[in-house]
PDB file of N, CA and C in Angstrom:
ATOM      1  N   MET A   1      34.271 146.207  93.384  1.00  0.00           N
ATOM      2  CA  MET A   1      34.334 144.775  93.210  1.00  0.00           C
ATOM      3  C   MET A   1      35.177 144.166  94.341  1.00  0.00           C
ATOM      4  N   PRO A   2      34.584 143.381  95.174  1.00  0.00           N
ATOM      5  CA  PRO A   2      35.326 142.817  96.314  1.00  0.00           C
ATOM      6  C   PRO A   2      36.350 141.780  95.863  1.00  0.00           C
ATOM      7  N   ARG A   3      37.455 141.771  96.575  1.00  0.00           N
ATOM      8  CA  ARG A   3      38.505 140.785  96.283  1.00  0.00           C
ATOM      9  C   ARG A   3      38.220 139.515  97.047  1.00  0.00           C
ATOM     10  N   ARG A   4      38.459 138.420  96.377  1.00  0.00           N
ATOM     11  CA  ARG A   4      38.260 137.131  97.034  1.00  0.00           C
ATOM     12  C   ARG A   4      39.567 136.655  97.654  1.00  0.00           C
ATOM     13  N   SER A   5      39.439 136.050  98.767  1.00  0.00           N
ATOM     14  CA  SER A   5      40.604 135.500  99.434  1.00  0.00           C
ATOM     15  C   SER A   5      41.011 134.196  98.738  1.00  0.00           C
ATOM     16  N   ARG A   6      42.279 134.053  98.515  1.00  0.00           N
ATOM     17  CA  ARG A   6      42.777 132.845  97.828  1.00  0.00           C
ATOM     18  C   ARG A   6      43.458 131.897  98.806  1.00  0.00           C
ATOM     19  N   LYS A   7      42.812 131.623  99.861  1.00  0.00           N
ATOM     20  CA  LYS A   7      43.383 130.699 100.839  1.00  0.00           C
ATOM     21  C   LYS A   7      43.196 129.276 100.346  1.00  0.00           C
ATOM     22  N   LYS A   8      44.263 128.530 100.437  1.00  0.00           N
ATOM     23  CA  LYS A   8      44.194 127.126 100.032  1.00  0.00           C
ATOM     24  C   LYS A   8      43.774 126.276 101.223  1.00  0.00           C
ATOM     25  N   ALA A   9      42.942 125.330 100.953  1.00  0.00           N
ATOM     26  CA  ALA A   9      42.504 124.423 102.008  1.00  0.00           C
ATOM     27  C   ALA A   9      43.657 123.516 102.418  1.00  0.00           C
ATOM     28  N   ARG A  10      43.827 123.340 103.693  1.00  0.00           N
ATOM     29  CA  ARG A  10      44.877 122.458 104.186  1.00  0.00           C
ATOM     30  C   ARG A  10      44.326 121.052 104.316  1.00  0.00           C
ATOM     31  N   VAL A  11      45.105 120.120 103.849  1.00  0.00           N
ATOM     32  CA  VAL A  11      44.713 118.719 103.947  1.00  0.00           C
ATOM     33  C   VAL A  11      45.663 118.055 104.923  1.00  0.00           C
ATOM     34  N   GLU A  12      45.105 117.430 105.924  1.00  0.00           N
ATOM     35  CA  GLU A  12      45.935 116.732 106.892  1.00  0.00           C
ATOM     36  C   GLU A  12      46.018 115.262 106.520  1.00  0.00           C
ATOM     37  N   LEU A  13      47.251 114.780 106.471  1.00  0.00           N
ATOM     38  CA  LEU A  13      47.472 113.373 106.153  1.00  0.00           C
ATOM     39  C   LEU A  13      48.052 112.679 107.372  1.00  0.00           C
ATOM     40  N   ASN A  14      47.665 111.468 107.565  1.00  0.00           N
ATOM     41  CA  ASN A  14      48.221 110.675 108.658  1.00  0.00           C
ATOM     42  C   ASN A  14      49.404 109.883 108.116  1.00  0.00           C
ATOM     43  N   VAL A  15      50.561 110.518 108.126  1.00  0.00           N
ATOM     44  CA  VAL A  15      51.776 109.875 107.628  1.00  0.00           C
ATOM     45  C   VAL A  15      52.673 109.599 108.826  1.00  0.00           C
ATOM     46  N   THR A  16      53.088 108.356 108.961  1.00  0.00           N
ATOM     47  CA  THR A  16      53.979 108.003 110.064  1.00  0.00           C
ATOM     48  C   THR A  16      55.363 108.580 109.806  1.00  0.00           C
ATOM     49  N   ASP A  17      56.105 108.761 110.871  1.00  0.00           N
ATOM     50  CA  ASP A  17      57.452 109.302 110.778  1.00  0.00           C
ATOM     51  C   ASP A  17      58.323 108.357 109.953  1.00  0.00           C
ATOM     52  N   HIS A  18      58.959 108.879 108.930  1.00  0.00           N
ATOM     53  CA  HIS A  18      59.780 108.034 108.060  1.00  0.00           C
ATOM     54  C   HIS A  18      60.817 108.874 107.323  1.00  0.00           C
ATOM     55  N   ARG A  19      61.709 108.187 106.642  1.00  0.00           N
ATOM     56  CA  ARG A  19      62.703 108.806 105.767  1.00  0.00           C
ATOM     57  C   ARG A  19      62.655 108.069 104.443  1.00  0.00           C
ATOM     58  N   HIS A  20      63.508 108.524 103.524  1.00  0.00           N
ATOM     59  CA  HIS A  20      63.616 107.837 102.249  1.00  0.00           C
ATOM     60  C   HIS A  20      65.066 107.439 102.026  1.00  0.00           C
ATOM     61  N   CYS A  21      65.261 106.285 101.400  1.00  0.00           N
ATOM     62  CA  CYS A  21      66.606 105.791 101.072  1.00  0.00           C
ATOM     63  C   CYS A  21      67.299 106.841 100.219  1.00  0.00           C
ATOM     64  N   GLU A  22      68.553 107.137 100.540  1.00  0.00           N
ATOM     65  CA  GLU A  22      69.297 108.165  99.810  1.00  0.00           C
ATOM     66  C   GLU A  22      69.633 107.742  98.382  1.00  0.00           C
ATOM     67  N   VAL A  23      69.545 106.446  98.084  1.00  0.00           N
ATOM     68  CA  VAL A  23      69.900 105.955  96.758  1.00  0.00           C
ATOM     69  C   VAL A  23      68.663 105.751  95.893  1.00  0.00           C
ATOM     70  N   CYS A  24      67.725 104.953  96.388  1.00  0.00           N
ATOM     71  CA  CYS A  24      66.580 104.582  95.549  1.00  0.00           C
ATOM     72  C   CYS A  24      65.284 105.290  95.912  1.00  0.00           C
ATOM     73  N   GLY A  25      65.220 105.912  97.082  1.00  0.00           N
ATOM     74  CA  GLY A  25      64.039 106.666  97.464  1.00  0.00           C
ATOM     75  C   GLY A  25      62.937 105.877  98.146  1.00  0.00           C
ATOM     76  N   LYS A  26      63.172 104.604  98.441  1.00  0.00           N
ATOM     77  CA  LYS A  26      62.147 103.810  99.131  1.00  0.00           C
ATOM     78  C   LYS A  26      61.967 104.322 100.560  1.00  0.00           C
ATOM     79  N   VAL A  27      60.772 104.115 101.095  1.00  0.00           N
ATOM     80  CA  VAL A  27      60.480 104.523 102.464  1.00  0.00           C
ATOM     81  C   VAL A  27      61.203 103.590 103.434  1.00  0.00           C
ATOM     82  N   ILE A  28      61.877 104.197 104.436  1.00  0.00           N
ATOM     83  CA  ILE A  28      62.625 103.429 105.436  1.00  0.00           C
ATOM     84  C   ILE A  28      62.343 104.017 106.818  1.00  0.00           C
ATOM     85  N   PRO A  29      62.674 103.297 107.895  1.00  0.00           N
ATOM     86  CA  PRO A  29      62.480 103.830 109.252  1.00  0.00           C
ATOM     87  C   PRO A  29      63.350 105.073 109.478  1.00  0.00           C
ATOM     88  N   PRO A  30      62.976 105.919 110.419  1.00  0.00           N
ATOM     89  CA  PRO A  30      63.681 107.189 110.646  1.00  0.00           C
ATOM     90  C   PRO A  30      65.170 107.065 110.961  1.00  0.00           C
ATOM     91  N   GLY A  31      65.617 106.006 111.602  1.00  0.00           N
ATOM     92  CA  GLY A  31      67.022 105.893 111.980  1.00  0.00           C
ATOM     93  C   GLY A  31      67.937 105.377 110.876  1.00  0.00           C
ATOM     94  N   GLU A  32      67.392 104.943 109.783  1.00  0.00           N
ATOM     95  CA  GLU A  32      68.175 104.325 108.707  1.00  0.00           C
ATOM     96  C   GLU A  32      68.551 105.360 107.638  1.00  0.00           C
ATOM     97  N   LYS A  33      69.611 105.051 106.874  1.00  0.00           N
ATOM     98  CA  LYS A  33      69.992 105.888 105.731  1.00  0.00           C
ATOM     99  C   LYS A  33      69.699 105.183 104.419  1.00  0.00           C
ATOM    100  N   TYR A  34      69.812 103.861 104.429  1.00  0.00           N
ATOM    101  CA  TYR A  34      69.643 103.080 103.214  1.00  0.00           C
ATOM    102  C   TYR A  34      68.665 101.936 103.472  1.00  0.00           C
ATOM    103  N   CYS A  35      68.006 101.492 102.393  1.00  0.00           N
ATOM    104  CA  CYS A  35      67.007 100.433 102.554  1.00  0.00           C
ATOM    105  C   CYS A  35      67.623  99.038 102.530  1.00  0.00           C
ATOM    106  N   SER A  36      68.826  98.908 101.963  1.00  0.00           N
ATOM    107  CA  SER A  36      69.445  97.586 101.863  1.00  0.00           C
ATOM    108  C   SER A  36      70.963  97.733 101.775  1.00  0.00           C
ATOM    109  N   PRO A  37      71.686  96.641 102.003  1.00  0.00           N
ATOM    110  CA  PRO A  37      73.143  96.682 101.832  1.00  0.00           C
ATOM    111  C   PRO A  37      73.539  97.032 100.394  1.00  0.00           C
ATOM    112  N   LYS A  38      72.707  96.637  99.434  1.00  0.00           N
ATOM    113  CA  LYS A  38      72.990  96.947  98.029  1.00  0.00           C
ATOM    114  C   LYS A  38      73.022  98.465  97.816  1.00  0.00           C
ATOM    115  N   CYS A  39      72.042  99.176  98.364  1.00  0.00           N
ATOM    116  CA  CYS A  39      72.002 100.636  98.239  1.00  0.00           C
ATOM    117  C   CYS A  39      73.163 101.275  99.004  1.00  0.00           C
ATOM    118  N   GLU A  40      73.522 100.689 100.132  1.00  0.00           N
ATOM    119  CA  GLU A  40      74.643 101.212 100.914  1.00  0.00           C
ATOM    120  C   GLU A  40      75.942 101.080 100.121  1.00  0.00           C
ATOM    121  N   GLU A  41      76.126  99.949  99.423  1.00  0.00           N
ATOM    122  CA  GLU A  41      77.308  99.752  98.584  1.00  0.00           C
ATOM    123  C   GLU A  41      77.335 100.750  97.430  1.00  0.00           C
ATOM    124  N   LYS A  42      76.168 100.963  96.808  1.00  0.00           N
ATOM    125  CA  LYS A  42      76.086 101.932  95.716  1.00  0.00           C
ATOM    126  C   LYS A  42      76.485 103.323  96.196  1.00  0.00           C
ATOM    127  N   ALA A  43      76.018 103.695  97.382  1.00  0.00           N
ATOM    128  CA  ALA A  43      76.341 105.008  97.942  1.00  0.00           C
ATOM    129  C   ALA A  43      77.838 105.116  98.231  1.00  0.00           C
ATOM    130  N   ALA A  44      78.435 104.042  98.753  1.00  0.00           N
ATOM    131  CA  ALA A  44      79.864 104.053  99.052  1.00  0.00           C
ATOM    132  C   ALA A  44      80.678 104.197  97.765  1.00  0.00           C
ATOM    133  N   LYS A  45      80.274 103.491  96.708  1.00  0.00           N
ATOM    134  CA  LYS A  45      80.970 103.603  95.425  1.00  0.00           C
ATOM    135  C   LYS A  45      80.835 105.010  94.862  1.00  0.00           C
ATOM    136  N   GLU A  46      79.661 105.592  94.993  1.00  0.00           N
ATOM    137  CA  GLU A  46      79.436 106.952  94.511  1.00  0.00           C
ATOM    138  C   GLU A  46      80.309 107.947  95.268  1.00  0.00           C
ATOM    139  N   ARG A  47      80.410 107.772  96.599  1.00  0.00           N
ATOM    140  CA  ARG A  47      81.269 108.649  97.402  1.00  0.00           C
ATOM    141  C   ARG A  47      82.720 108.534  96.959  1.00  0.00           C
ATOM    142  N   GLN A  48      83.195 107.291  96.723  1.00  0.00           N
ATOM    143  CA  GLN A  48      84.571 107.087  96.284  1.00  0.00           C
ATOM    144  C   GLN A  48      84.808 107.738  94.931  1.00  0.00           C
ATOM    145  N   SER A  49      83.846 107.604  94.044  1.00  0.00           N
ATOM    146  CA  SER A  49      83.959 108.191  92.718  1.00  0.00           C
ATOM    147  C   SER A  49      84.023 109.721  92.801  1.00  0.00           C
ATOM    148  N   MET A  50      83.170 110.301  93.620  1.00  0.00           N
ATOM    149  CA  MET A  50      83.163 111.754  93.781  1.00  0.00           C
ATOM    150  C   MET A  50      84.463 112.240  94.418  1.00  0.00           C
ATOM    151  N   GLU A  51      84.983 111.492  95.366  1.00  0.00           N
ATOM    152  CA  GLU A  51      86.245 111.858  96.011  1.00  0.00           C
ATOM    153  C   GLU A  51      87.388 111.809  94.995  1.00  0.00           C
ATOM    154  N   ARG A  52      87.408 110.780  94.166  1.00  0.00           N
ATOM    155  CA  ARG A  52      88.428 110.664  93.125  1.00  0.00           C
ATOM    156  C   ARG A  52      88.339 111.845  92.150  1.00  0.00           C
ATOM    157  N   LEU A  53      87.125 112.178  91.749  1.00  0.00           N
ATOM    158  CA  LEU A  53      86.920 113.297  90.832  1.00  0.00           C
ATOM    159  C   LEU A  53      87.377 114.608  91.465  1.00  0.00           C
ATOM    160  N   ARG A  54      87.097 114.787  92.728  1.00  0.00           N
ATOM    161  CA  ARG A  54      87.526 115.999  93.440  1.00  0.00           C
ATOM    162  C   ARG A  54      89.048 116.101  93.462  1.00  0.00           C
ATOM    163  N   LYS A  55      89.716 114.980  93.713  1.00  0.00           N
ATOM    164  CA  LYS A  55      91.184 114.986  93.735  1.00  0.00           C
ATOM    165  C   LYS A  55      91.757 115.300  92.358  1.00  0.00           C
ATOM    166  N   VAL A  56      91.148 114.775  91.304  1.00  0.00           N
ATOM    167  CA  VAL A  56      91.601 115.063  89.941  1.00  0.00           C
ATOM    168  C   VAL A  56      91.452 116.547  89.647  1.00  0.00           C
ATOM    169  N   TRP A  57      90.322 117.139  90.020  1.00  0.00           N
ATOM    170  CA  TRP A  57      90.110 118.572  89.791  1.00  0.00           C
ATOM    171  C   TRP A  57      91.135 119.410  90.539  1.00  0.00           C
ATOM    172  N   ILE A  58      91.416 119.048  91.782  1.00  0.00           N
ATOM    173  CA  ILE A  58      92.411 119.789  92.566  1.00  0.00           C
ATOM    174  C   ILE A  58      93.776 119.686  91.901  1.00  0.00           C
ATOM    175  N   ALA A  59      94.151 118.491  91.433  1.00  0.00           N
ATOM    176  CA  ALA A  59      95.432 118.302  90.756  1.00  0.00           C
ATOM    177  C   ALA A  59      95.488 119.146  89.481  1.00  0.00           C
ATOM    178  N   MET A  60      94.407 119.182  88.727  1.00  0.00           N
ATOM    179  CA  MET A  60      94.380 119.979  87.495  1.00  0.00           C
ATOM    180  C   MET A  60      94.536 121.465  87.796  1.00  0.00           C
ATOM    181  N   ILE A  61      93.906 121.944  88.836  1.00  0.00           N
ATOM    182  CA  ILE A  61      94.026 123.354  89.211  1.00  0.00           C
ATOM    183  C   ILE A  61      95.452 123.675  89.632  1.00  0.00           C
ATOM    184  N   ILE A  62      96.052 122.786  90.420  1.00  0.00           N
ATOM    185  CA  ILE A  62      97.436 123.002  90.861  1.00  0.00           C
ATOM    186  C   ILE A  62      98.375 123.020  89.659  1.00  0.00           C
ATOM    187  N   ILE A  63      98.203 122.089  88.726  1.00  0.00           N
ATOM    188  CA  ILE A  63      99.045 122.043  87.526  1.00  0.00           C
ATOM    189  C   ILE A  63      98.860 123.311  86.703  1.00  0.00           C
ATOM    190  N   PHE A  64      97.631 123.763  86.536  1.00  0.00           N
ATOM    191  CA  PHE A  64      97.352 124.972  85.772  1.00  0.00           C
ATOM    192  C   PHE A  64      98.034 126.181  86.407  1.00  0.00           C
ATOM    193  N   ILE A  65      97.916 126.312  87.727  1.00  0.00           N
ATOM    194  CA  ILE A  65      98.552 127.435  88.413  1.00  0.00           C
ATOM    195  C   ILE A  65     100.063 127.349  88.270  1.00  0.00           C
ATOM    196  N   ALA A  66     100.617 126.148  88.394  1.00  0.00           N
ATOM    197  CA  ALA A  66     102.068 125.976  88.249  1.00  0.00           C
ATOM    198  C   ALA A  66     102.511 126.364  86.834  1.00  0.00           C
ATOM    199  N   LEU A  67     101.751 125.969  85.831  1.00  0.00           N
ATOM    200  CA  LEU A  67     102.108 126.321  84.454  1.00  0.00           C
ATOM    201  C   LEU A  67     102.011 127.818  84.213  1.00  0.00           C
ATOM    202  N   MET A  68     101.194 128.502  84.952  1.00  0.00           N
ATOM    203  CA  MET A  68     101.087 129.947  84.823  1.00  0.00           C
ATOM    204  C   MET A  68     102.229 130.658  85.546  1.00  0.00           C
ATOM    205  N   ILE A  69     102.722 130.088  86.646  1.00  0.00           N
ATOM    206  CA  ILE A  69     103.738 130.739  87.466  1.00  0.00           C
ATOM    207  C   ILE A  69     105.155 130.415  87.014  1.00  0.00           C
ATOM    208  N   VAL A  70     105.416 129.197  86.562  1.00  0.00           N
ATOM    209  CA  VAL A  70     106.776 128.756  86.214  1.00  0.00           C
ATOM    210  C   VAL A  70     107.445 129.668  85.178  1.00  0.00           C
ATOM    211  N   PRO A  71     106.781 130.058  84.096  1.00  0.00           N
ATOM    212  CA  PRO A  71     107.452 130.948  83.138  1.00  0.00           C
ATOM    213  C   PRO A  71     107.901 132.274  83.763  1.00  0.00           C
ATOM    214  N   TYR A  72     107.125 132.813  84.662  1.00  0.00           N
ATOM    215  CA  TYR A  72     107.507 134.064  85.315  1.00  0.00           C
ATOM    216  C   TYR A  72     108.694 133.841  86.253  1.00  0.00           C
ATOM    217  N   LEU A  73     108.766 132.691  86.901  1.00  0.00           N
ATOM    218  CA  LEU A  73     109.902 132.395  87.757  1.00  0.00           C
ATOM    219  C   LEU A  73     111.190 132.301  86.945  1.00  0.00           C
ATOM    220  N   PHE A  74     111.137 131.636  85.781  1.00  0.00           N
ATOM    221  CA  PHE A  74     112.316 131.545  84.921  1.00  0.00           C
ATOM    222  C   PHE A  74     112.736 132.922  84.420  1.00  0.00           C
ATOM    223  N   GLN A  75     111.770 133.753  84.114  1.00  0.00           N
ATOM    224  CA  GLN A  75     112.078 135.091  83.624  1.00  0.00           C
ATOM    225  C   GLN A  75     112.726 135.924  84.732  1.00  0.00           C
ATOM    226  N   MET A  76     112.242 135.791  85.958  1.00  0.00           N
ATOM    227  CA  MET A  76     112.807 136.550  87.065  1.00  0.00           C
ATOM    228  C   MET A  76     114.200 136.062  87.435  1.00  0.00           C
ATOM    229  N   LEU A  77     114.465 134.772  87.233  1.00  0.00           N
ATOM    230  CA  LEU A  77     115.771 134.210  87.567  1.00  0.00           C
ATOM    231  C   LEU A  77     116.786 134.420  86.454  1.00  0.00           C
ATOM    232  N   GLY A  78     116.360 135.032  85.370  1.00  0.00           N
ATOM    233  CA  GLY A  78     117.277 135.335  84.291  1.00  0.00           C
ATOM    234  C   GLY A  78     117.395 134.235  83.262  1.00  0.00           C
ATOM    235  N   GLY A  79     116.385 133.416  83.142  1.00  0.00           N
ATOM    236  CA  GLY A  79     116.464 132.285  82.232  1.00  0.00           C
ATOM    237  C   GLY A  79     115.959 132.545  80.917  1.00  0.00           C
TER     238      GLY A  79
END
């Protein structure tokens, strides 16, 4: 029984060079990142929010490590 080749047909589309807005996904020219100032503001707020969250996580990790180490320091110092 011969095996059939499962080659998929290629379809060529005439799509002009473009990008998509990082916030809403609309089609924009290749040199742009955002489709409007509104989307740019949303992206900036999102970046600030993520940066704040990252700083909170780092602070929590530092506090956790300090709480793990401090009791051993007191014990070593004779406390």
